Amino acid sequence: MAYDLNLANKVREYLTEATALEVQEKTMFGGIAFLVDGKMCVNVSGEHLMCRIDPKQADQLNKRSGVEPMVMRGRKLDGYCLVNFDGYKDKKDLEFWIDACLKFNHLAERSKKK
């Protein structure tokens, strides 16, 4: 699946400015993932943001405009959500979602290497 290059550039630019941590990019989930401190933080897939968020805040965050639960292989993934254009259409909203991902990133566990 192709991903929105403009959205990816906005995410890349904000992460570069917002964090002194190392940001890496990796093809994942049919899009481009931005890894912060070696952990998947936010992903651009198609025209969606796939956000890794604090599962304790998921119910509250899922009530925001343009948000839907992340479902993979018929299973809802706790701590992840998809945000469509309505949820990030202005700069302030996009930054809100990236900040939510960054806030949880230091608590998130690294994926186990296979």
C-alpha atoms as a PDB file:
ATOM      1  CA  MET A   1       0.000   0.000   0.000  1.00  0.00           C
ATOM      2  CA  ALA A   2       1.308   3.442  -0.850  1.00  0.00           C
ATOM      3  CA  TYR A   3       1.435   6.126   1.796  1.00  0.00           C
ATOM      4  CA  ASP A   4       0.844   9.875   1.731  1.00  0.00           C
ATOM      5  CA  LEU A   5       4.296  11.400   1.128  1.00  0.00           C
ATOM      6  CA  ASN A   6       3.154  14.856   2.232  1.00  0.00           C
ATOM      7  CA  LEU A   7       1.876  13.496   5.543  1.00  0.00           C
ATOM      8  CA  ALA A   8       5.067  11.479   6.042  1.00  0.00           C
ATOM      9  CA  ASN A   9       7.141  14.612   5.429  1.00  0.00           C
ATOM     10  CA  LYS A  10       5.114  16.555   8.024  1.00  0.00           C
ATOM     11  CA  VAL A  11       5.575  13.773  10.585  1.00  0.00           C
ATOM     12  CA  ARG A  12       9.308  13.538   9.814  1.00  0.00           C
ATOM     13  CA  GLU A  13       9.749  17.305  10.129  1.00  0.00           C
ATOM     14  CA  TYR A  14       7.901  17.501  13.439  1.00  0.00           C
ATOM     15  CA  LEU A  15       9.747  14.521  14.954  1.00  0.00           C
ATOM     16  CA  THR A  16      13.075  16.003  13.928  1.00  0.00           C
ATOM     17  CA  GLU A  17      12.187  19.277  15.631  1.00  0.00           C
ATOM     18  CA  ALA A  18      10.342  17.847  18.662  1.00  0.00           C
ATOM     19  CA  THR A  19      12.810  15.280  19.928  1.00  0.00           C
ATOM     20  CA  ALA A  20      16.527  15.006  20.462  1.00  0.00           C
ATOM     21  CA  LEU A  21      16.188  11.215  20.340  1.00  0.00           C
ATOM     22  CA  GLU A  22      17.240   9.234  17.318  1.00  0.00           C
ATOM     23  CA  VAL A  23      14.441   8.876  14.773  1.00  0.00           C
ATOM     24  CA  GLN A  24      14.632   6.019  12.296  1.00  0.00           C
ATOM     25  CA  GLU A  25      12.322   5.157   9.430  1.00  0.00           C
ATOM     26  CA  LYS A  26      11.297   1.653   8.484  1.00  0.00           C
ATOM     27  CA  THR A  27       8.796   0.172   6.062  1.00  0.00           C
ATOM     28  CA  MET A  28       6.086  -1.458   8.209  1.00  0.00           C
ATOM     29  CA  PHE A  29       2.348  -2.099   8.208  1.00  0.00           C
ATOM     30  CA  GLY A  30       2.041  -1.178   4.537  1.00  0.00           C
ATOM     31  CA  GLY A  31       3.478   2.285   5.130  1.00  0.00           C
ATOM     32  CA  ILE A  32       6.397   4.049   6.743  1.00  0.00           C
ATOM     33  CA  ALA A  33       7.018   3.770  10.460  1.00  0.00           C
ATOM     34  CA  PHE A  34       8.881   6.325  12.498  1.00  0.00           C
ATOM     35  CA  LEU A  35      10.825   4.685  15.292  1.00  0.00           C
ATOM     36  CA  VAL A  36      11.954   6.783  18.237  1.00  0.00           C
ATOM     37  CA  ASP A  37      14.529   5.330  20.608  1.00  0.00           C
ATOM     38  CA  GLY A  38      14.290   2.077  18.621  1.00  0.00           C
ATOM     39  CA  LYS A  39      10.524   1.713  19.176  1.00  0.00           C
ATOM     40  CA  MET A  40       7.665   2.174  16.702  1.00  0.00           C
ATOM     41  CA  CYS A  41       6.136   5.526  17.579  1.00  0.00           C
ATOM     42  CA  VAL A  42       3.899   6.589  14.684  1.00  0.00           C
ATOM     43  CA  ASN A  43       3.240   5.199  11.223  1.00  0.00           C
ATOM     44  CA  VAL A  44       1.878   6.698   8.018  1.00  0.00           C
ATOM     45  CA  SER A  45      -0.168   4.139   6.113  1.00  0.00           C
ATOM     46  CA  GLY A  46      -2.143   5.341   3.130  1.00  0.00           C
ATOM     47  CA  GLU A  47      -3.697   8.600   4.311  1.00  0.00           C
ATOM     48  CA  HIS A  48      -3.889   7.458   7.927  1.00  0.00           C
ATOM     49  CA  LEU A  49      -1.723   7.976  10.952  1.00  0.00           C
ATOM     50  CA  MET A  50      -1.306   4.789  12.911  1.00  0.00           C
ATOM     51  CA  CYS A  51      -0.598   5.977  16.409  1.00  0.00           C
ATOM     52  CA  ARG A  52       0.929   4.005  19.266  1.00  0.00           C
ATOM     53  CA  ILE A  53      -0.697   5.478  22.341  1.00  0.00           C
ATOM     54  CA  ASP A  54      -0.984   4.784  26.038  1.00  0.00           C
ATOM     55  CA  PRO A  55      -3.600   2.026  26.360  1.00  0.00           C
ATOM     56  CA  LYS A  56      -4.826   3.720  29.568  1.00  0.00           C
ATOM     57  CA  GLN A  57      -5.786   6.798  27.509  1.00  0.00           C
ATOM     58  CA  ALA A  58      -7.179   4.923  24.506  1.00  0.00           C
ATOM     59  CA  ASP A  59     -10.865   5.295  25.445  1.00  0.00           C
ATOM     60  CA  GLN A  60     -10.494   9.054  25.807  1.00  0.00           C
ATOM     61  CA  LEU A  61      -8.382   9.488  22.656  1.00  0.00           C
ATOM     62  CA  ASN A  62     -10.662   7.265  20.567  1.00  0.00           C
ATOM     63  CA  LYS A  63     -13.482   9.789  21.112  1.00  0.00           C
ATOM     64  CA  ARG A  64     -11.642  12.455  19.109  1.00  0.00           C
ATOM     65  CA  SER A  65     -12.692  13.301  15.568  1.00  0.00           C
ATOM     66  CA  GLY A  66     -11.357  11.045  12.808  1.00  0.00           C
ATOM     67  CA  VAL A  67     -10.215   8.229  15.092  1.00  0.00           C
ATOM     68  CA  GLU A  68     -10.972   4.546  14.748  1.00  0.00           C
ATOM     69  CA  PRO A  69      -9.581   1.524  16.575  1.00  0.00           C
ATOM     70  CA  MET A  70      -6.682  -0.319  15.006  1.00  0.00           C
ATOM     71  CA  VAL A  71      -7.785  -3.776  13.862  1.00  0.00           C
ATOM     72  CA  MET A  72      -5.356  -6.349  12.487  1.00  0.00           C
ATOM     73  CA  ARG A  73      -6.427  -9.789  11.338  1.00  0.00           C
ATOM     74  CA  GLY A  74      -9.830  -9.220  12.918  1.00  0.00           C
ATOM     75  CA  ARG A  75      -8.377  -8.323  16.312  1.00  0.00           C
ATOM     76  CA  LYS A  76      -8.438  -4.885  17.950  1.00  0.00           C
ATOM     77  CA  LEU A  77      -4.952  -3.814  19.014  1.00  0.00           C
ATOM     78  CA  ASP A  78      -4.860  -2.114  22.402  1.00  0.00           C
ATOM     79  CA  GLY A  79      -2.648   0.936  22.467  1.00  0.00           C
ATOM     80  CA  TYR A  80      -2.991   1.671  18.759  1.00  0.00           C
ATOM     81  CA  CYS A  81      -5.450   3.733  16.756  1.00  0.00           C
ATOM     82  CA  LEU A  82      -5.899   4.970  13.203  1.00  0.00           C
ATOM     83  CA  VAL A  83      -6.434   8.661  12.603  1.00  0.00           C
ATOM     84  CA  ASN A  84      -7.877   9.784   9.281  1.00  0.00           C
ATOM     85  CA  PHE A  85      -7.645  13.236   7.680  1.00  0.00           C
ATOM     86  CA  ASP A  86     -10.488  14.634   9.819  1.00  0.00           C
ATOM     87  CA  GLY A  87      -8.367  13.934  12.890  1.00  0.00           C
ATOM     88  CA  TYR A  88      -5.182  15.663  11.715  1.00  0.00           C
ATOM     89  CA  LYS A  89      -6.356  18.175   9.111  1.00  0.00           C
ATOM     90  CA  ASP A  90      -4.740  21.127  10.813  1.00  0.00           C
ATOM     91  CA  LYS A  91      -1.210  21.430  12.149  1.00  0.00           C
ATOM     92  CA  LYS A  92      -2.335  21.624  15.773  1.00  0.00           C
ATOM     93  CA  ASP A  93      -4.217  18.312  15.516  1.00  0.00           C
ATOM     94  CA  LEU A  94      -1.335  16.568  13.740  1.00  0.00           C
ATOM     95  CA  GLU A  95       1.048  17.745  16.457  1.00  0.00           C
ATOM     96  CA  PHE A  96      -1.417  16.567  19.135  1.00  0.00           C
ATOM     97  CA  TRP A  97      -1.276  13.012  17.777  1.00  0.00           C
ATOM     98  CA  ILE A  98       2.491  12.937  17.330  1.00  0.00           C
ATOM     99  CA  ASP A  99       2.910  14.304  20.864  1.00  0.00           C
ATOM    100  CA  ALA A 100       0.556  11.606  22.216  1.00  0.00           C
ATOM    101  CA  CYS A 101       2.752   8.995  20.518  1.00  0.00           C
ATOM    102  CA  LEU A 102       5.952  10.567  21.855  1.00  0.00           C
ATOM    103  CA  LYS A 103       4.499  10.781  25.361  1.00  0.00           C
ATOM    104  CA  PHE A 104       3.870   7.041  25.400  1.00  0.00           C
ATOM    105  CA  ASN A 105       7.068   6.107  23.566  1.00  0.00           C
ATOM    106  CA  HIS A 106       9.318   6.199  26.636  1.00  0.00           C
ATOM    107  CA  LEU A 107       6.913   3.770  28.398  1.00  0.00           C
ATOM    108  CA  ALA A 108       6.497   1.435  25.422  1.00  0.00           C
ATOM    109  CA  GLU A 109       8.384  -1.810  25.277  1.00  0.00           C
ATOM    110  CA  ARG A 110      10.681  -2.625  22.397  1.00  0.00           C
ATOM    111  CA  SER A 111       9.560  -5.386  20.079  1.00  0.00           C
ATOM    112  CA  LYS A 112      11.374  -8.641  20.573  1.00  0.00           C
ATOM    113  CA  LYS A 113      13.796  -9.414  17.758  1.00  0.00           C
ATOM    114  CA  LYS A 114      12.991 -12.626  15.904  1.00  0.00           C
END
